[in-house]
Amino acid sequence: MWKNTFFLFGFALVIIALWGIVRGEAVIRDPGQVSEPGLVLYYIIGAVIMLANGWMTHKQAIQQYEEYMDLNAPAASKQDLETSSEASS
């Protein structure tokens, strides 16, 4: 889960937004960027979107892994049984 870059960028945006709340929006504004109100809010919205996307892709990866294991696990266990019965003969 921690390798999912959506989570990494989402948490980075949260940290930047918190920094902007504590120190002021001028700290997180890009050099030369026009001063616009609500910059911290944009970072928070971006963080929520990134974290939600990370959560969805993580759940999808788990679902695909479980489906893969359900399809391939019976075949693997049959092969294990055949191999162990041949070894005992």
N, C-alpha and C. Protein backbone atom coordinates (compact mmCIF):
# COMPACT_ATOMS: atom_id res chain seq x y z
N MET A 1 0.82 -1.19 0.00
CA MET A 1 0.00 0.00 0.00
C MET A 1 0.87 1.26 0.00
N TRP A 2 1.98 1.23 0.71
CA TRP A 2 2.81 2.43 0.81
C TRP A 2 3.56 2.70 -0.49
N LYS A 3 3.61 1.72 -1.40
CA LYS A 3 4.28 1.95 -2.69
C LYS A 3 3.39 2.68 -3.68
N ASN A 4 2.11 2.80 -3.38
CA ASN A 4 1.17 3.47 -4.26
C ASN A 4 1.47 4.97 -4.25
N THR A 5 1.87 5.49 -5.40
CA THR A 5 2.29 6.90 -5.46
C THR A 5 1.14 7.87 -5.23
N PHE A 6 -0.10 7.43 -5.44
CA PHE A 6 -1.22 8.31 -5.12
C PHE A 6 -1.22 8.65 -3.64
N PHE A 7 -0.92 7.66 -2.79
CA PHE A 7 -0.85 7.92 -1.35
C PHE A 7 0.32 8.85 -1.03
N LEU A 8 1.46 8.62 -1.66
CA LEU A 8 2.63 9.45 -1.38
C LEU A 8 2.36 10.92 -1.73
N PHE A 9 1.81 11.15 -2.92
CA PHE A 9 1.52 12.53 -3.32
C PHE A 9 0.38 13.12 -2.48
N GLY A 10 -0.59 12.31 -2.12
CA GLY A 10 -1.69 12.79 -1.28
C GLY A 10 -1.20 13.25 0.08
N PHE A 11 -0.34 12.43 0.70
CA PHE A 11 0.20 12.82 2.00
C PHE A 11 1.12 14.03 1.88
N ALA A 12 1.86 14.12 0.78
CA ALA A 12 2.70 15.30 0.57
C ALA A 12 1.85 16.57 0.46
N LEU A 13 0.73 16.47 -0.25
CA LEU A 13 -0.17 17.62 -0.37
C LEU A 13 -0.78 18.00 0.99
N VAL A 14 -1.09 17.00 1.81
CA VAL A 14 -1.61 17.28 3.15
C VAL A 14 -0.57 18.04 3.96
N ILE A 15 0.68 17.59 3.91
CA ILE A 15 1.75 18.24 4.66
C ILE A 15 1.94 19.68 4.19
N ILE A 16 1.94 19.88 2.87
CA ILE A 16 2.10 21.23 2.33
C ILE A 16 0.92 22.11 2.74
N ALA A 17 -0.30 21.56 2.71
CA ALA A 17 -1.47 22.34 3.11
C ALA A 17 -1.39 22.72 4.59
N LEU A 18 -0.97 21.78 5.43
CA LEU A 18 -0.82 22.10 6.85
C LEU A 18 0.24 23.18 7.07
N TRP A 19 1.32 23.09 6.31
CA TRP A 19 2.36 24.10 6.39
C TRP A 19 1.80 25.47 5.99
N GLY A 20 0.96 25.47 4.94
CA GLY A 20 0.33 26.72 4.51
C GLY A 20 -0.63 27.27 5.53
N ILE A 21 -1.32 26.40 6.26
CA ILE A 21 -2.24 26.85 7.32
C ILE A 21 -1.45 27.48 8.46
N VAL A 22 -0.35 26.86 8.84
CA VAL A 22 0.43 27.33 9.98
C VAL A 22 1.21 28.60 9.64
N ARG A 23 1.88 28.61 8.49
CA ARG A 23 2.79 29.71 8.15
C ARG A 23 2.17 30.76 7.23
N GLY A 24 1.03 30.44 6.63
CA GLY A 24 0.40 31.38 5.71
C GLY A 24 0.54 30.89 4.27
N GLU A 25 -0.38 31.34 3.44
CA GLU A 25 -0.40 30.89 2.05
C GLU A 25 0.81 31.35 1.25
N ALA A 26 1.45 32.42 1.67
CA ALA A 26 2.61 32.93 0.93
C ALA A 26 3.76 31.91 0.91
N VAL A 27 3.82 31.04 1.92
CA VAL A 27 4.89 30.05 2.01
C VAL A 27 4.76 28.98 0.92
N ILE A 28 3.53 28.63 0.55
CA ILE A 28 3.34 27.56 -0.43
C ILE A 28 3.10 28.07 -1.84
N ARG A 29 3.05 29.36 -2.00
CA ARG A 29 2.84 29.95 -3.33
C ARG A 29 4.12 29.81 -4.15
N ASP A 30 3.95 29.48 -5.43
CA ASP A 30 5.10 29.37 -6.33
C ASP A 30 5.72 30.75 -6.54
N PRO A 31 7.04 30.80 -6.80
CA PRO A 31 7.67 32.09 -7.09
C PRO A 31 7.05 32.72 -8.34
N GLY A 32 6.64 33.95 -8.22
CA GLY A 32 6.05 34.67 -9.34
C GLY A 32 4.57 34.41 -9.51
N GLN A 33 4.00 33.52 -8.71
CA GLN A 33 2.57 33.23 -8.81
C GLN A 33 1.76 34.39 -8.25
N VAL A 34 0.68 34.71 -8.93
CA VAL A 34 -0.21 35.77 -8.47
C VAL A 34 -0.86 35.31 -7.17
N SER A 35 -0.96 36.22 -6.23
CA SER A 35 -1.60 35.89 -4.95
C SER A 35 -3.07 35.61 -5.17
N GLU A 36 -3.51 34.43 -4.77
CA GLU A 36 -4.92 34.10 -4.89
C GLU A 36 -5.38 33.50 -3.56
N PRO A 37 -6.54 33.91 -3.11
CA PRO A 37 -7.04 33.38 -1.84
C PRO A 37 -7.49 31.93 -2.01
N GLY A 38 -7.37 31.16 -0.95
CA GLY A 38 -7.85 29.78 -0.98
C GLY A 38 -6.85 28.77 -1.51
N LEU A 39 -5.58 29.15 -1.57
CA LEU A 39 -4.56 28.23 -2.10
C LEU A 39 -4.45 26.97 -1.23
N VAL A 40 -4.57 27.12 0.07
CA VAL A 40 -4.52 25.97 0.98
C VAL A 40 -5.69 25.04 0.69
N LEU A 41 -6.84 25.59 0.42
CA LEU A 41 -8.02 24.79 0.11
C LEU A 41 -7.79 23.96 -1.15
N TYR A 42 -7.13 24.53 -2.15
CA TYR A 42 -6.82 23.78 -3.37
C TYR A 42 -5.90 22.60 -3.06
N TYR A 43 -4.95 22.80 -2.18
CA TYR A 43 -4.05 21.71 -1.80
C TYR A 43 -4.82 20.63 -1.04
N ILE A 44 -5.73 21.01 -0.18
CA ILE A 44 -6.52 20.03 0.56
C ILE A 44 -7.42 19.24 -0.38
N ILE A 45 -8.06 19.91 -1.31
CA ILE A 45 -8.91 19.22 -2.28
C ILE A 45 -8.08 18.26 -3.12
N GLY A 46 -6.92 18.71 -3.56
CA GLY A 46 -6.03 17.84 -4.32
C GLY A 46 -5.59 16.63 -3.52
N ALA A 47 -5.31 16.83 -2.23
CA ALA A 47 -4.90 15.72 -1.36
C ALA A 47 -6.03 14.71 -1.22
N VAL A 48 -7.25 15.19 -1.03
CA VAL A 48 -8.39 14.29 -0.89
C VAL A 48 -8.59 13.47 -2.16
N ILE A 49 -8.47 14.11 -3.30
CA ILE A 49 -8.63 13.41 -4.57
C ILE A 49 -7.54 12.35 -4.75
N MET A 50 -6.29 12.71 -4.45
CA MET A 50 -5.19 11.75 -4.58
C MET A 50 -5.35 10.58 -3.62
N LEU A 51 -5.72 10.85 -2.38
CA LEU A 51 -5.89 9.78 -1.40
C LEU A 51 -7.07 8.88 -1.77
N ALA A 52 -8.15 9.46 -2.27
CA ALA A 52 -9.30 8.64 -2.70
C ALA A 52 -8.91 7.76 -3.89
N ASN A 53 -8.17 8.32 -4.82
CA ASN A 53 -7.71 7.54 -5.97
C ASN A 53 -6.77 6.42 -5.52
N GLY A 54 -5.90 6.73 -4.58
CA GLY A 54 -5.01 5.70 -4.04
C GLY A 54 -5.78 4.58 -3.38
N TRP A 55 -6.81 4.95 -2.61
CA TRP A 55 -7.61 3.94 -1.93
C TRP A 55 -8.32 3.04 -2.95
N MET A 56 -8.88 3.65 -4.00
CA MET A 56 -9.59 2.86 -5.01
C MET A 56 -8.65 1.93 -5.77
N THR A 57 -7.48 2.42 -6.14
CA THR A 57 -6.55 1.56 -6.88
C THR A 57 -5.99 0.46 -5.98
N HIS A 58 -5.83 0.75 -4.69
CA HIS A 58 -5.36 -0.28 -3.76
C HIS A 58 -6.41 -1.38 -3.60
N LYS A 59 -7.67 -0.99 -3.43
CA LYS A 59 -8.74 -1.98 -3.30
C LYS A 59 -8.88 -2.80 -4.58
N GLN A 60 -8.70 -2.17 -5.75
CA GLN A 60 -8.79 -2.89 -7.01
C GLN A 60 -7.64 -3.90 -7.14
N ALA A 61 -6.46 -3.51 -6.71
CA ALA A 61 -5.32 -4.43 -6.78
C ALA A 61 -5.55 -5.63 -5.87
N ILE A 62 -6.10 -5.41 -4.69
CA ILE A 62 -6.40 -6.52 -3.78
C ILE A 62 -7.46 -7.44 -4.40
N GLN A 63 -8.48 -6.86 -5.00
CA GLN A 63 -9.53 -7.66 -5.63
C GLN A 63 -8.96 -8.50 -6.77
N GLN A 64 -8.13 -7.91 -7.61
CA GLN A 64 -7.53 -8.66 -8.71
C GLN A 64 -6.64 -9.77 -8.20
N TYR A 65 -5.89 -9.53 -7.13
CA TYR A 65 -5.03 -10.55 -6.56
C TYR A 65 -5.86 -11.70 -6.01
N GLU A 66 -6.95 -11.39 -5.30
CA GLU A 66 -7.81 -12.44 -4.76
C GLU A 66 -8.46 -13.25 -5.87
N GLU A 67 -8.91 -12.59 -6.94
CA GLU A 67 -9.50 -13.32 -8.07
C GLU A 67 -8.46 -14.21 -8.74
N TYR A 68 -7.25 -13.71 -8.88
CA TYR A 68 -6.18 -14.51 -9.47
C TYR A 68 -5.89 -15.74 -8.61
N MET A 69 -5.83 -15.53 -7.31
CA MET A 69 -5.55 -16.66 -6.40
C MET A 69 -6.70 -17.67 -6.40
N ASP A 70 -7.93 -17.19 -6.49
CA ASP A 70 -9.07 -18.10 -6.54
C ASP A 70 -9.05 -18.96 -7.80
N LEU A 71 -8.64 -18.37 -8.92
CA LEU A 71 -8.59 -19.12 -10.17
C LEU A 71 -7.41 -20.08 -10.22
N ASN A 72 -6.29 -19.71 -9.66
CA ASN A 72 -5.07 -20.50 -9.79
C ASN A 72 -4.75 -21.37 -8.58
N ALA A 73 -5.35 -21.12 -7.46
CA ALA A 73 -5.04 -21.90 -6.26
C ALA A 73 -5.47 -23.36 -6.38
N PRO A 74 -6.68 -23.69 -6.92
CA PRO A 74 -7.04 -25.10 -7.04
C PRO A 74 -6.08 -25.88 -7.94
N ALA A 75 -5.63 -25.27 -9.02
CA ALA A 75 -4.69 -25.95 -9.91
C ALA A 75 -3.37 -26.18 -9.20
N ALA A 76 -2.93 -25.23 -8.42
CA ALA A 76 -1.67 -25.37 -7.70
C ALA A 76 -1.78 -26.45 -6.64
N SER A 77 -2.91 -26.53 -5.94
CA SER A 77 -3.04 -27.55 -4.90
C SER A 77 -3.14 -28.94 -5.51
N LYS A 78 -3.75 -29.09 -6.69
CA LYS A 78 -3.79 -30.39 -7.36
C LYS A 78 -2.38 -30.83 -7.75
N GLN A 79 -1.60 -29.91 -8.25
CA GLN A 79 -0.22 -30.24 -8.62
C GLN A 79 0.57 -30.64 -7.39
N ASP A 80 0.35 -29.97 -6.27
CA ASP A 80 1.05 -30.32 -5.03
C ASP A 80 0.66 -31.72 -4.57
N LEU A 81 -0.63 -32.05 -4.68
CA LEU A 81 -1.08 -33.38 -4.27
C LEU A 81 -0.48 -34.45 -5.16
N GLU A 82 -0.44 -34.21 -6.49
CA GLU A 82 0.13 -35.19 -7.41
C GLU A 82 1.62 -35.36 -7.15
N THR A 83 2.30 -34.27 -6.91
CA THR A 83 3.74 -34.33 -6.66
C THR A 83 4.03 -35.08 -5.36
N SER A 84 3.25 -34.82 -4.32
CA SER A 84 3.49 -35.47 -3.04
C SER A 84 3.12 -36.95 -3.11
N SER A 85 2.09 -37.33 -3.89
CA SER A 85 1.72 -38.74 -3.99
C SER A 85 2.77 -39.49 -4.81
N GLU A 86 3.34 -38.85 -5.83
CA GLU A 86 4.40 -39.50 -6.62
C GLU A 86 5.65 -39.67 -5.78
N ALA A 87 5.94 -38.72 -4.93
CA ALA A 87 7.13 -38.79 -4.11
C ALA A 87 7.02 -39.89 -3.06
N SER A 88 5.80 -40.14 -2.58
CA SER A 88 5.63 -41.17 -1.55
C SER A 88 5.61 -42.58 -2.14
N SER A 89 5.41 -42.71 -3.47
CA SER A 89 5.36 -44.04 -4.09
C SER A 89 6.69 -44.66 -4.26
